[in-house]
């Protein structure tokens, strides 16, 4: 069993943690793990925030998807952002992280 711990400093200032095993989650359980509705999760898929892992709209989700969905929720909440804006912000964050990894690589040439 894998333990995923995250801290969400909401208006009540409490921390949460989720315990999940390595098996993929269905839509209902994934939404529950994210603290959101299944409809919200489907919006993440529709806007490309979460990958569609199959042609079935009730595809399986993996542990890494929980982290991305929680990040999407925080961006949406903190910036009152639309799903499209959140998708763009996450793409930019991913690109910056990739560039930082490349710069740290020992074969990087300036």
N, C-alpha and C. Protein backbone atom coordinates (compact mmCIF):
# COMPACT_ATOMS: atom_id res chain seq x y z
N UNK A 1 0.83 -1.18 0.00
CA UNK A 1 0.00 0.00 0.00
C UNK A 1 0.88 1.25 0.00
N UNK A 2 0.53 2.21 -0.79
CA UNK A 2 1.27 3.47 -0.88
C UNK A 2 0.53 4.53 -0.11
N UNK A 3 1.24 5.33 0.63
CA UNK A 3 0.63 6.43 1.34
C UNK A 3 0.95 7.72 0.63
N UNK A 4 -0.08 8.45 0.29
CA UNK A 4 0.08 9.75 -0.32
C UNK A 4 -0.30 10.76 0.74
N UNK A 5 0.60 11.64 1.06
CA UNK A 5 0.29 12.67 2.03
C UNK A 5 0.38 14.01 1.37
N UNK A 6 -0.60 14.83 1.62
CA UNK A 6 -0.59 16.17 1.10
C UNK A 6 -1.17 17.09 2.14
N UNK A 7 -0.83 18.33 2.04
CA UNK A 7 -1.35 19.33 2.96
C UNK A 7 -2.13 20.35 2.17
N UNK A 8 -3.33 20.58 2.61
CA UNK A 8 -4.17 21.58 1.97
C UNK A 8 -4.57 22.57 3.06
N UNK A 9 -3.99 23.72 3.01
CA UNK A 9 -4.30 24.74 4.00
C UNK A 9 -5.52 25.51 3.53
N UNK A 10 -6.66 24.98 3.79
CA UNK A 10 -7.90 25.63 3.40
C UNK A 10 -8.32 26.65 4.43
N UNK A 11 -9.56 27.06 4.33
CA UNK A 11 -10.05 28.08 5.24
C UNK A 11 -10.08 27.57 6.69
N UNK A 12 -10.09 26.25 6.85
CA UNK A 12 -10.13 25.70 8.20
C UNK A 12 -8.74 25.34 8.71
N UNK A 13 -7.71 25.42 7.85
CA UNK A 13 -6.33 25.21 8.26
C UNK A 13 -6.02 23.79 8.69
N UNK A 14 -6.67 22.78 8.12
CA UNK A 14 -6.38 21.41 8.50
C UNK A 14 -5.63 20.70 7.40
N UNK A 15 -4.97 19.61 7.78
CA UNK A 15 -4.23 18.80 6.83
C UNK A 15 -5.00 17.53 6.53
N UNK A 16 -4.77 16.99 5.34
CA UNK A 16 -5.43 15.76 4.95
C UNK A 16 -4.41 14.78 4.44
N UNK A 17 -4.72 13.51 4.50
CA UNK A 17 -3.89 12.51 3.87
C UNK A 17 -4.78 11.43 3.29
N UNK A 18 -4.28 10.78 2.26
CA UNK A 18 -5.01 9.74 1.58
C UNK A 18 -4.12 8.51 1.55
N UNK A 19 -4.70 7.36 1.78
CA UNK A 19 -3.97 6.11 1.66
C UNK A 19 -4.55 5.37 0.47
N UNK A 20 -3.68 5.06 -0.49
CA UNK A 20 -4.11 4.37 -1.70
C UNK A 20 -3.16 3.22 -1.97
N UNK A 21 -3.67 2.20 -2.64
CA UNK A 21 -2.76 1.16 -3.07
C UNK A 21 -2.30 1.45 -4.49
N UNK A 22 -1.51 0.57 -5.06
CA UNK A 22 -0.92 0.80 -6.37
C UNK A 22 -1.89 0.57 -7.53
N UNK A 23 -3.07 0.04 -7.25
CA UNK A 23 -4.02 -0.26 -8.31
C UNK A 23 -4.73 1.00 -8.78
N UNK A 24 -5.05 1.06 -10.07
CA UNK A 24 -5.76 2.23 -10.59
C UNK A 24 -7.12 2.40 -9.92
N UNK A 25 -7.58 3.63 -9.89
CA UNK A 25 -8.88 3.95 -9.30
C UNK A 25 -9.90 4.18 -10.40
N UNK A 26 -11.14 3.84 -10.13
CA UNK A 26 -12.19 4.21 -11.07
C UNK A 26 -12.59 5.66 -10.81
N UNK A 27 -13.45 6.18 -11.65
CA UNK A 27 -13.82 7.59 -11.58
C UNK A 27 -14.37 7.98 -10.21
N UNK A 28 -15.29 7.20 -9.69
CA UNK A 28 -15.92 7.54 -8.41
C UNK A 28 -14.90 7.59 -7.28
N UNK A 29 -14.04 6.58 -7.20
CA UNK A 29 -13.04 6.55 -6.14
C UNK A 29 -11.97 7.63 -6.33
N UNK A 30 -11.62 7.89 -7.59
CA UNK A 30 -10.65 8.94 -7.85
C UNK A 30 -11.19 10.30 -7.42
N UNK A 31 -12.44 10.58 -7.79
CA UNK A 31 -13.06 11.85 -7.39
C UNK A 31 -13.11 11.97 -5.88
N UNK A 32 -13.42 10.89 -5.21
CA UNK A 32 -13.48 10.88 -3.75
C UNK A 32 -12.09 11.15 -3.17
N UNK A 33 -11.05 10.55 -3.75
CA UNK A 33 -9.68 10.77 -3.27
C UNK A 33 -9.26 12.23 -3.45
N UNK A 34 -9.79 12.86 -4.50
CA UNK A 34 -9.47 14.27 -4.77
C UNK A 34 -10.36 15.23 -3.99
N UNK A 35 -11.41 14.72 -3.38
CA UNK A 35 -12.34 15.58 -2.66
C UNK A 35 -13.23 16.38 -3.59
N UNK A 36 -13.47 15.86 -4.79
CA UNK A 36 -14.25 16.57 -5.80
C UNK A 36 -15.33 15.65 -6.35
N UNK A 37 -16.14 16.19 -7.24
CA UNK A 37 -17.21 15.41 -7.86
C UNK A 37 -16.67 14.71 -9.12
N UNK A 38 -17.32 13.61 -9.52
CA UNK A 38 -16.92 12.96 -10.77
C UNK A 38 -17.05 13.90 -11.97
N UNK A 39 -18.02 14.78 -11.97
CA UNK A 39 -18.19 15.74 -13.06
C UNK A 39 -16.99 16.67 -13.17
N UNK A 40 -16.45 17.08 -12.03
CA UNK A 40 -15.27 17.94 -12.01
C UNK A 40 -14.09 17.19 -12.63
N UNK A 41 -13.93 15.93 -12.28
CA UNK A 41 -12.84 15.12 -12.82
C UNK A 41 -12.99 14.98 -14.33
N UNK A 42 -14.20 14.77 -14.81
CA UNK A 42 -14.43 14.66 -16.25
C UNK A 42 -14.08 15.96 -16.97
N UNK A 43 -14.27 17.09 -16.30
CA UNK A 43 -13.86 18.37 -16.88
C UNK A 43 -12.34 18.44 -17.01
N UNK A 44 -11.62 17.89 -16.03
CA UNK A 44 -10.15 17.85 -16.11
C UNK A 44 -9.70 17.06 -17.33
N UNK A 45 -10.38 15.95 -17.59
CA UNK A 45 -10.04 15.12 -18.75
C UNK A 45 -10.37 15.88 -20.03
N UNK A 46 -11.55 16.48 -20.06
CA UNK A 46 -11.99 17.20 -21.26
C UNK A 46 -11.04 18.33 -21.64
N UNK A 47 -10.46 18.99 -20.64
CA UNK A 47 -9.55 20.12 -20.90
C UNK A 47 -8.08 19.70 -20.98
N UNK A 48 -7.82 18.39 -20.95
CA UNK A 48 -6.46 17.90 -21.12
C UNK A 48 -5.60 18.05 -19.88
N UNK A 49 -6.20 18.34 -18.74
CA UNK A 49 -5.44 18.47 -17.50
C UNK A 49 -5.02 17.10 -16.99
N UNK A 50 -5.91 16.13 -17.11
CA UNK A 50 -5.60 14.74 -16.82
C UNK A 50 -5.63 13.97 -18.12
N UNK A 51 -4.74 13.02 -18.29
CA UNK A 51 -4.74 12.24 -19.53
C UNK A 51 -5.93 11.29 -19.58
N UNK A 52 -6.46 11.12 -20.76
CA UNK A 52 -7.49 10.12 -20.96
C UNK A 52 -6.76 8.82 -21.25
N UNK A 53 -6.88 7.88 -20.37
CA UNK A 53 -6.09 6.64 -20.46
C UNK A 53 -6.76 5.57 -21.31
N UNK A 54 -8.00 5.80 -21.71
CA UNK A 54 -8.69 4.86 -22.59
C UNK A 54 -9.83 5.59 -23.27
N UNK A 55 -10.53 4.91 -24.13
CA UNK A 55 -11.66 5.53 -24.80
C UNK A 55 -12.88 5.58 -23.89
N UNK A 56 -12.84 4.87 -22.80
CA UNK A 56 -13.93 4.85 -21.84
C UNK A 56 -13.86 6.11 -20.98
N UNK A 57 -14.95 6.91 -20.90
CA UNK A 57 -14.90 8.12 -20.08
C UNK A 57 -14.70 7.81 -18.60
N UNK A 58 -14.94 6.58 -18.20
CA UNK A 58 -14.74 6.18 -16.81
C UNK A 58 -13.43 5.42 -16.69
N UNK A 59 -12.41 5.96 -17.32
CA UNK A 59 -11.11 5.31 -17.35
C UNK A 59 -10.51 5.22 -15.96
N UNK A 60 -9.44 4.50 -15.87
CA UNK A 60 -8.76 4.30 -14.59
C UNK A 60 -7.74 5.40 -14.37
N UNK A 61 -7.55 5.75 -13.13
CA UNK A 61 -6.62 6.81 -12.75
C UNK A 61 -5.52 6.20 -11.89
N UNK A 62 -4.33 6.79 -12.00
CA UNK A 62 -3.20 6.32 -11.22
C UNK A 62 -2.87 7.33 -10.13
N UNK A 63 -1.99 6.94 -9.24
CA UNK A 63 -1.65 7.75 -8.08
C UNK A 63 -1.16 9.15 -8.48
N UNK A 64 -0.36 9.25 -9.55
CA UNK A 64 0.17 10.54 -9.97
C UNK A 64 -0.94 11.50 -10.40
N UNK A 65 -2.05 10.94 -10.87
CA UNK A 65 -3.17 11.78 -11.29
C UNK A 65 -3.79 12.52 -10.11
N UNK A 66 -3.74 11.93 -8.92
CA UNK A 66 -4.29 12.59 -7.73
C UNK A 66 -3.52 13.88 -7.47
N UNK A 67 -2.21 13.81 -7.54
CA UNK A 67 -1.37 14.99 -7.30
C UNK A 67 -1.68 16.08 -8.32
N UNK A 68 -1.80 15.71 -9.59
CA UNK A 68 -2.08 16.70 -10.64
C UNK A 68 -3.46 17.30 -10.45
N UNK A 69 -4.44 16.48 -10.10
CA UNK A 69 -5.80 16.99 -9.89
C UNK A 69 -5.84 17.94 -8.69
N UNK A 70 -5.12 17.62 -7.64
CA UNK A 70 -5.09 18.50 -6.47
C UNK A 70 -4.41 19.83 -6.81
N UNK A 71 -3.36 19.77 -7.60
CA UNK A 71 -2.69 21.00 -8.04
C UNK A 71 -3.65 21.84 -8.88
N UNK A 72 -4.39 21.17 -9.77
CA UNK A 72 -5.38 21.87 -10.61
C UNK A 72 -6.44 22.54 -9.73
N UNK A 73 -6.89 21.83 -8.72
CA UNK A 73 -7.91 22.41 -7.83
C UNK A 73 -7.37 23.66 -7.13
N UNK A 74 -6.13 23.57 -6.63
CA UNK A 74 -5.55 24.73 -5.92
C UNK A 74 -5.41 25.93 -6.85
N UNK A 75 -4.97 25.70 -8.09
CA UNK A 75 -4.86 26.80 -9.05
C UNK A 75 -6.24 27.39 -9.36
N UNK A 76 -7.20 26.52 -9.53
CA UNK A 76 -8.55 26.98 -9.81
C UNK A 76 -9.10 27.79 -8.65
N UNK A 77 -8.89 27.31 -7.46
CA UNK A 77 -9.38 27.98 -6.25
C UNK A 77 -8.63 29.28 -5.99
N UNK A 78 -7.32 29.24 -6.00
CA UNK A 78 -6.51 30.41 -5.63
C UNK A 78 -6.60 31.55 -6.63
N UNK A 79 -6.74 31.21 -7.92
CA UNK A 79 -6.75 32.24 -8.95
C UNK A 79 -8.13 32.41 -9.59
N UNK A 80 -9.11 31.69 -9.07
CA UNK A 80 -10.46 31.73 -9.64
C UNK A 80 -10.37 31.51 -11.14
N UNK A 81 -9.58 30.49 -11.52
CA UNK A 81 -9.26 30.24 -12.92
C UNK A 81 -10.22 29.23 -13.55
N UNK A 82 -10.43 29.39 -14.82
CA UNK A 82 -11.23 28.45 -15.59
C UNK A 82 -10.41 27.18 -15.82
N UNK A 83 -11.08 26.12 -16.30
CA UNK A 83 -10.36 24.89 -16.60
C UNK A 83 -9.32 25.13 -17.69
N UNK A 84 -9.64 25.95 -18.67
CA UNK A 84 -8.68 26.25 -19.75
C UNK A 84 -7.45 26.97 -19.20
N UNK A 85 -7.66 27.91 -18.31
CA UNK A 85 -6.54 28.64 -17.71
C UNK A 85 -5.69 27.71 -16.85
N UNK A 86 -6.33 26.84 -16.11
CA UNK A 86 -5.60 25.88 -15.27
C UNK A 86 -4.76 24.96 -16.16
N UNK A 87 -5.33 24.50 -17.26
CA UNK A 87 -4.57 23.64 -18.18
C UNK A 87 -3.33 24.36 -18.69
N UNK A 88 -3.46 25.63 -19.05
CA UNK A 88 -2.32 26.40 -19.54
C UNK A 88 -1.29 26.59 -18.42
N UNK A 89 -1.74 26.91 -17.22
CA UNK A 89 -0.80 27.10 -16.10
C UNK A 89 -0.03 25.82 -15.81
N UNK A 90 -0.73 24.69 -15.81
CA UNK A 90 -0.05 23.43 -15.53
C UNK A 90 0.95 23.08 -16.64
N UNK A 91 0.60 23.36 -17.89
CA UNK A 91 1.54 23.12 -18.99
C UNK A 91 2.79 23.98 -18.82
N UNK A 92 2.61 25.23 -18.45
CA UNK A 92 3.76 26.11 -18.24
C UNK A 92 4.61 25.66 -17.05
N UNK A 93 3.97 25.25 -15.98
CA UNK A 93 4.70 24.73 -14.81
C UNK A 93 5.50 23.50 -15.21
N UNK A 94 4.89 22.59 -15.96
CA UNK A 94 5.59 21.38 -16.41
C UNK A 94 6.78 21.74 -17.29
N UNK A 95 6.60 22.71 -18.18
CA UNK A 95 7.69 23.12 -19.08
C UNK A 95 8.85 23.73 -18.29
N UNK A 96 8.55 24.56 -17.32
CA UNK A 96 9.60 25.17 -16.49
C UNK A 96 10.36 24.08 -15.72
N UNK A 97 9.63 23.10 -15.18
CA UNK A 97 10.30 22.02 -14.45
C UNK A 97 11.20 21.21 -15.38
N UNK A 98 10.74 20.96 -16.60
CA UNK A 98 11.56 20.23 -17.57
C UNK A 98 12.81 21.02 -17.93
N UNK A 99 12.68 22.31 -18.15
CA UNK A 99 13.83 23.15 -18.46
C UNK A 99 14.83 23.17 -17.30
N UNK A 100 14.33 23.22 -16.09
CA UNK A 100 15.23 23.18 -14.93
C UNK A 100 15.98 21.87 -14.85
N UNK A 101 15.30 20.75 -15.18
CA UNK A 101 15.99 19.45 -15.19
C UNK A 101 17.08 19.44 -16.25
N UNK A 102 16.79 20.00 -17.41
CA UNK A 102 17.78 20.04 -18.49
C UNK A 102 19.00 20.87 -18.10
N UNK A 103 18.78 22.00 -17.45
CA UNK A 103 19.89 22.86 -17.05
C UNK A 103 20.75 22.16 -16.00
N UNK A 104 20.18 21.37 -15.17
CA UNK A 104 20.94 20.65 -14.14
C UNK A 104 21.69 19.45 -14.69
N UNK A 105 21.34 19.03 -15.89
CA UNK A 105 21.96 17.85 -16.48
C UNK A 105 23.44 18.14 -16.73
N UNK A 106 24.31 17.19 -16.44
CA UNK A 106 25.76 17.47 -16.57
C UNK A 106 26.21 17.76 -17.99
N UNK A 107 25.49 17.34 -19.00
CA UNK A 107 25.89 17.59 -20.39
C UNK A 107 25.30 18.87 -20.95
N UNK A 108 24.65 19.68 -20.13
CA UNK A 108 24.03 20.92 -20.60
C UNK A 108 25.12 21.90 -21.01
N UNK A 109 24.97 22.49 -22.21
CA UNK A 109 25.94 23.47 -22.70
C UNK A 109 25.27 24.83 -22.75
N UNK A 110 25.98 25.80 -22.23
CA UNK A 110 25.45 27.18 -22.20
C UNK A 110 25.67 27.86 -23.52
